[in-house]
N, C-alpha and C. Protein backbone atom coordinates (compact mmCIF):
# COMPACT_ATOMS: atom_id res chain seq x y z
N GLU A 1 80.90 79.55 85.89
CA GLU A 1 82.04 80.17 86.55
C GLU A 1 83.35 79.45 86.18
N TYR A 2 83.28 78.15 86.18
CA TYR A 2 84.49 77.36 85.91
C TYR A 2 85.00 77.60 84.50
N ARG A 3 84.08 77.71 83.56
CA ARG A 3 84.45 77.91 82.15
C ARG A 3 85.18 79.24 81.93
N ARG A 4 84.89 80.23 82.75
CA ARG A 4 85.58 81.52 82.60
C ARG A 4 87.03 81.44 83.03
N ILE A 5 87.33 80.50 83.89
CA ILE A 5 88.71 80.35 84.38
C ILE A 5 89.53 79.50 83.42
N PHE A 6 88.96 78.39 82.99
CA PHE A 6 89.64 77.51 82.06
C PHE A 6 88.98 77.65 80.69
N SER A 7 89.68 78.25 79.76
CA SER A 7 89.12 78.43 78.43
C SER A 7 88.86 77.08 77.76
N ASP A 8 89.69 76.10 78.08
CA ASP A 8 89.49 74.74 77.56
C ASP A 8 89.23 73.83 78.75
N ILE A 9 87.97 73.54 79.03
CA ILE A 9 87.67 72.72 80.20
C ILE A 9 88.09 71.26 80.01
N LEU A 10 88.45 70.90 78.78
CA LEU A 10 88.97 69.57 78.54
C LEU A 10 90.49 69.56 78.47
N GLY A 11 91.09 70.69 78.80
CA GLY A 11 92.54 70.79 78.82
C GLY A 11 93.14 70.07 80.01
N LYS A 12 94.42 69.88 79.97
CA LYS A 12 95.13 69.10 80.99
C LYS A 12 94.93 69.66 82.40
N SER A 13 95.08 70.94 82.57
CA SER A 13 94.96 71.55 83.90
C SER A 13 93.54 71.44 84.44
N SER A 14 92.57 71.72 83.60
CA SER A 14 91.18 71.64 84.01
C SER A 14 90.81 70.21 84.40
N LEU A 15 91.17 69.25 83.58
CA LEU A 15 90.86 67.85 83.88
C LEU A 15 91.55 67.39 85.16
N TYR A 16 92.74 67.89 85.40
CA TYR A 16 93.45 67.55 86.63
C TYR A 16 92.68 68.05 87.85
N ILE A 17 92.28 69.31 87.80
CA ILE A 17 91.53 69.88 88.93
C ILE A 17 90.22 69.14 89.13
N LEU A 18 89.49 68.91 88.05
CA LEU A 18 88.21 68.21 88.17
C LEU A 18 88.39 66.78 88.69
N SER A 19 89.48 66.14 88.32
CA SER A 19 89.72 64.76 88.76
C SER A 19 90.13 64.69 90.23
N HIS A 20 90.93 65.64 90.67
CA HIS A 20 91.49 65.56 92.02
C HIS A 20 90.76 66.43 93.05
N TYR A 21 90.16 67.51 92.59
CA TYR A 21 89.49 68.46 93.49
C TYR A 21 88.16 68.88 92.88
N PRO A 22 87.21 67.96 92.78
CA PRO A 22 85.98 68.22 92.02
C PRO A 22 84.99 69.20 92.65
N LEU A 23 85.03 69.35 93.95
CA LEU A 23 84.06 70.22 94.60
C LEU A 23 84.73 71.49 95.12
N PRO A 24 83.97 72.58 95.22
CA PRO A 24 84.55 73.83 95.74
C PRO A 24 85.23 73.64 97.09
N GLU A 25 84.66 72.82 97.95
CA GLU A 25 85.26 72.61 99.27
C GLU A 25 86.62 71.93 99.17
N ASP A 26 86.82 71.11 98.13
CA ASP A 26 88.13 70.48 97.93
C ASP A 26 89.18 71.53 97.59
N ILE A 27 88.80 72.49 96.78
CA ILE A 27 89.72 73.57 96.40
C ILE A 27 89.98 74.48 97.60
N LYS A 28 88.93 74.79 98.35
CA LYS A 28 89.10 75.62 99.56
C LYS A 28 90.06 74.95 100.54
N ARG A 29 89.91 73.65 100.71
CA ARG A 29 90.74 72.90 101.64
C ARG A 29 92.22 72.97 101.25
N LEU A 30 92.49 73.04 99.95
CA LEU A 30 93.87 73.14 99.48
C LEU A 30 94.53 74.43 99.95
N GLY A 31 93.78 75.51 99.88
CA GLY A 31 94.34 76.82 100.15
C GLY A 31 94.90 77.43 98.88
N LEU A 32 94.97 78.73 98.85
CA LEU A 32 95.41 79.45 97.65
C LEU A 32 96.84 79.11 97.27
N LYS A 33 97.73 79.06 98.24
CA LYS A 33 99.14 78.80 97.95
C LYS A 33 99.34 77.42 97.32
N ARG A 34 98.76 76.40 97.93
CA ARG A 34 98.92 75.03 97.42
C ARG A 34 98.25 74.87 96.06
N LEU A 35 97.07 75.48 95.89
CA LEU A 35 96.39 75.45 94.59
C LEU A 35 97.29 76.04 93.52
N GLY A 36 97.91 77.17 93.85
CA GLY A 36 98.83 77.82 92.90
C GLY A 36 100.00 76.93 92.53
N GLU A 37 100.58 76.28 93.52
CA GLU A 37 101.71 75.38 93.27
C GLU A 37 101.30 74.24 92.33
N ILE A 38 100.14 73.66 92.61
CA ILE A 38 99.66 72.54 91.81
C ILE A 38 99.38 72.98 90.37
N LEU A 39 98.65 74.07 90.22
CA LEU A 39 98.28 74.52 88.87
C LEU A 39 99.49 74.99 88.07
N LYS A 40 100.43 75.64 88.72
CA LYS A 40 101.62 76.07 88.00
C LYS A 40 102.43 74.87 87.51
N LYS A 41 102.47 73.82 88.32
CA LYS A 41 103.20 72.61 87.93
C LYS A 41 102.48 71.89 86.80
N VAL A 42 101.18 71.68 86.95
CA VAL A 42 100.40 70.94 85.95
C VAL A 42 100.36 71.69 84.62
N SER A 43 100.22 73.01 84.69
CA SER A 43 100.11 73.81 83.46
C SER A 43 101.46 74.25 82.92
N ARG A 44 102.51 73.87 83.61
CA ARG A 44 103.87 74.30 83.24
C ARG A 44 103.98 75.82 83.17
N GLY A 45 103.34 76.46 84.14
CA GLY A 45 103.42 77.92 84.27
C GLY A 45 102.50 78.70 83.36
N LYS A 46 101.65 78.03 82.61
CA LYS A 46 100.76 78.73 81.68
C LYS A 46 99.60 79.43 82.38
N ILE A 47 99.16 78.88 83.51
CA ILE A 47 98.06 79.52 84.24
C ILE A 47 98.65 80.56 85.17
N LYS A 48 98.20 81.77 85.02
CA LYS A 48 98.75 82.89 85.77
C LYS A 48 98.10 83.04 87.13
N GLU A 49 98.75 83.79 87.98
CA GLU A 49 98.31 84.01 89.36
C GLU A 49 96.87 84.52 89.45
N GLY A 50 96.50 85.42 88.54
CA GLY A 50 95.15 85.98 88.57
C GLY A 50 94.07 84.92 88.37
N LYS A 51 94.31 83.99 87.46
CA LYS A 51 93.35 82.91 87.21
C LYS A 51 93.29 81.95 88.40
N ILE A 52 94.43 81.70 89.01
CA ILE A 52 94.48 80.82 90.18
C ILE A 52 93.69 81.45 91.33
N ARG A 53 93.93 82.72 91.54
CA ARG A 53 93.22 83.45 92.60
C ARG A 53 91.71 83.48 92.31
N GLU A 54 91.35 83.67 91.05
CA GLU A 54 89.94 83.70 90.67
C GLU A 54 89.27 82.35 90.95
N LEU A 55 89.93 81.26 90.60
CA LEU A 55 89.40 79.92 90.87
C LEU A 55 89.21 79.72 92.37
N TYR A 56 90.20 80.09 93.14
CA TYR A 56 90.12 79.93 94.59
C TYR A 56 88.99 80.76 95.18
N ASN A 57 88.90 82.01 94.76
CA ASN A 57 87.84 82.89 95.27
C ASN A 57 86.45 82.38 94.89
N LYS A 58 86.31 81.86 93.68
CA LYS A 58 85.02 81.28 93.27
C LYS A 58 84.67 80.10 94.16
N ALA A 59 85.66 79.28 94.48
CA ALA A 59 85.43 78.12 95.35
C ALA A 59 85.03 78.56 96.76
N VAL A 60 85.72 79.57 97.26
CA VAL A 60 85.43 80.07 98.61
C VAL A 60 84.02 80.65 98.68
N ASN A 61 83.61 81.35 97.65
CA ASN A 61 82.31 82.01 97.65
C ASN A 61 81.18 81.19 97.04
N SER A 62 81.51 79.98 96.60
CA SER A 62 80.51 79.13 95.97
C SER A 62 79.52 78.59 96.99
N ILE A 63 78.29 78.50 96.58
CA ILE A 63 77.28 77.87 97.43
C ILE A 63 77.57 76.38 97.48
N GLY A 64 77.95 75.81 96.34
CA GLY A 64 78.29 74.39 96.28
C GLY A 64 77.09 73.51 96.57
N ILE A 65 77.31 72.24 96.53
CA ILE A 65 76.22 71.31 96.85
C ILE A 65 76.35 70.89 98.31
N LYS A 66 75.24 70.75 98.95
CA LYS A 66 75.25 70.37 100.37
C LYS A 66 74.93 68.88 100.55
N GLU A 67 74.08 68.36 99.68
CA GLU A 67 73.68 66.97 99.80
C GLU A 67 74.13 66.20 98.55
N GLY A 68 74.40 64.94 98.74
CA GLY A 68 74.77 64.10 97.60
C GLY A 68 76.17 64.34 97.10
N LYS A 69 77.07 64.79 97.96
CA LYS A 69 78.44 65.08 97.52
C LYS A 69 79.15 63.85 96.97
N GLU A 70 78.98 62.73 97.67
CA GLU A 70 79.66 61.51 97.23
C GLU A 70 79.14 61.05 95.87
N SER A 71 77.83 61.13 95.67
CA SER A 71 77.29 60.72 94.37
C SER A 71 77.71 61.70 93.28
N ALA A 72 77.81 62.98 93.61
CA ALA A 72 78.27 63.97 92.63
C ALA A 72 79.72 63.69 92.24
N LYS A 73 80.56 63.38 93.22
CA LYS A 73 81.96 63.06 92.94
C LYS A 73 82.06 61.80 92.07
N PHE A 74 81.26 60.79 92.42
CA PHE A 74 81.27 59.55 91.66
C PHE A 74 80.85 59.79 90.21
N PHE A 75 79.76 60.54 90.03
CA PHE A 75 79.24 60.84 88.70
C PHE A 75 80.28 61.61 87.88
N LEU A 76 80.90 62.60 88.48
CA LEU A 76 81.92 63.39 87.79
C LEU A 76 83.12 62.52 87.43
N LYS A 77 83.52 61.64 88.34
CA LYS A 77 84.64 60.74 88.08
C LYS A 77 84.35 59.84 86.87
N GLU A 78 83.12 59.35 86.78
CA GLU A 78 82.73 58.50 85.66
C GLU A 78 82.76 59.29 84.34
N ILE A 79 82.24 60.50 84.36
CA ILE A 79 82.24 61.34 83.16
C ILE A 79 83.68 61.65 82.74
N LEU A 80 84.53 61.99 83.70
CA LEU A 80 85.93 62.30 83.38
C LEU A 80 86.66 61.08 82.82
N ARG A 81 86.36 59.91 83.34
CA ARG A 81 86.97 58.68 82.82
C ARG A 81 86.57 58.50 81.35
N ASP A 82 85.29 58.73 81.04
CA ASP A 82 84.83 58.61 79.65
C ASP A 82 85.50 59.66 78.76
N ILE A 83 85.61 60.88 79.25
CA ILE A 83 86.24 61.96 78.47
C ILE A 83 87.69 61.61 78.19
N LYS A 84 88.41 61.17 79.20
CA LYS A 84 89.82 60.81 79.01
C LYS A 84 89.98 59.68 78.01
N ARG A 85 89.08 58.69 78.10
CA ARG A 85 89.12 57.58 77.14
C ARG A 85 88.88 58.08 75.72
N LEU A 86 87.92 58.99 75.56
CA LEU A 86 87.64 59.53 74.23
C LEU A 86 88.79 60.38 73.70
N ILE A 87 89.44 61.12 74.56
CA ILE A 87 90.60 61.91 74.14
C ILE A 87 91.72 60.99 73.66
N GLU A 88 91.97 59.91 74.40
CA GLU A 88 93.00 58.94 73.98
C GLU A 88 92.62 58.27 72.67
N ARG A 89 91.36 57.93 72.53
CA ARG A 89 90.89 57.30 71.28
C ARG A 89 91.06 58.25 70.09
N LYS A 90 90.77 59.53 70.32
CA LYS A 90 90.93 60.54 69.27
C LYS A 90 92.40 60.61 68.84
N LYS A 91 93.32 60.56 69.80
CA LYS A 91 94.75 60.57 69.47
C LYS A 91 95.14 59.35 68.64
N GLU A 92 94.61 58.20 69.04
CA GLU A 92 94.89 56.96 68.30
C GLU A 92 94.40 57.07 66.85
N ILE A 93 93.19 57.53 66.69
CA ILE A 93 92.60 57.65 65.35
C ILE A 93 93.38 58.66 64.52
N LYS A 94 93.77 59.76 65.13
CA LYS A 94 94.55 60.77 64.42
C LYS A 94 95.88 60.19 63.95
N GLY A 95 96.52 59.40 64.81
CA GLY A 95 97.78 58.75 64.42
C GLY A 95 97.59 57.78 63.27
N ILE A 96 96.53 57.01 63.33
CA ILE A 96 96.24 56.06 62.25
C ILE A 96 95.99 56.81 60.95
N MET A 97 95.20 57.89 61.02
CA MET A 97 94.90 58.67 59.83
C MET A 97 96.18 59.29 59.23
N GLU A 98 97.03 59.82 60.09
CA GLU A 98 98.28 60.42 59.60
C GLU A 98 99.16 59.36 58.93
N ARG A 99 99.23 58.18 59.53
CA ARG A 99 100.02 57.09 58.95
C ARG A 99 99.45 56.66 57.60
N LEU A 100 98.13 56.52 57.52
CA LEU A 100 97.51 56.10 56.27
C LEU A 100 97.63 57.16 55.18
N LEU A 101 97.55 58.43 55.56
CA LEU A 101 97.61 59.50 54.57
C LEU A 101 99.03 59.76 54.07
N SER A 102 100.02 59.34 54.85
CA SER A 102 101.41 59.56 54.40
C SER A 102 101.76 58.49 53.38
């Protein structure tokens, strides 16, 4: 479901949501209006109202996890930290390659 909303789940907006609001209940707690404000700011207006509403509705209607929420959040946080580190490393390597090739 999440992948249908964010075409690039490693994109800035997706990583922001996963980092700050990892569970459906976190998104529900925000409310549609606040979610929209946050996503419009983070995406610089690239995410449209329909996608924001779709994400919110999916969160509201999601079964979600009932047990182990804290461990799920911890595990996701660790994975996101690794992903962010790898993205930064990729940028560094790309810069080095561009410098060496010039």
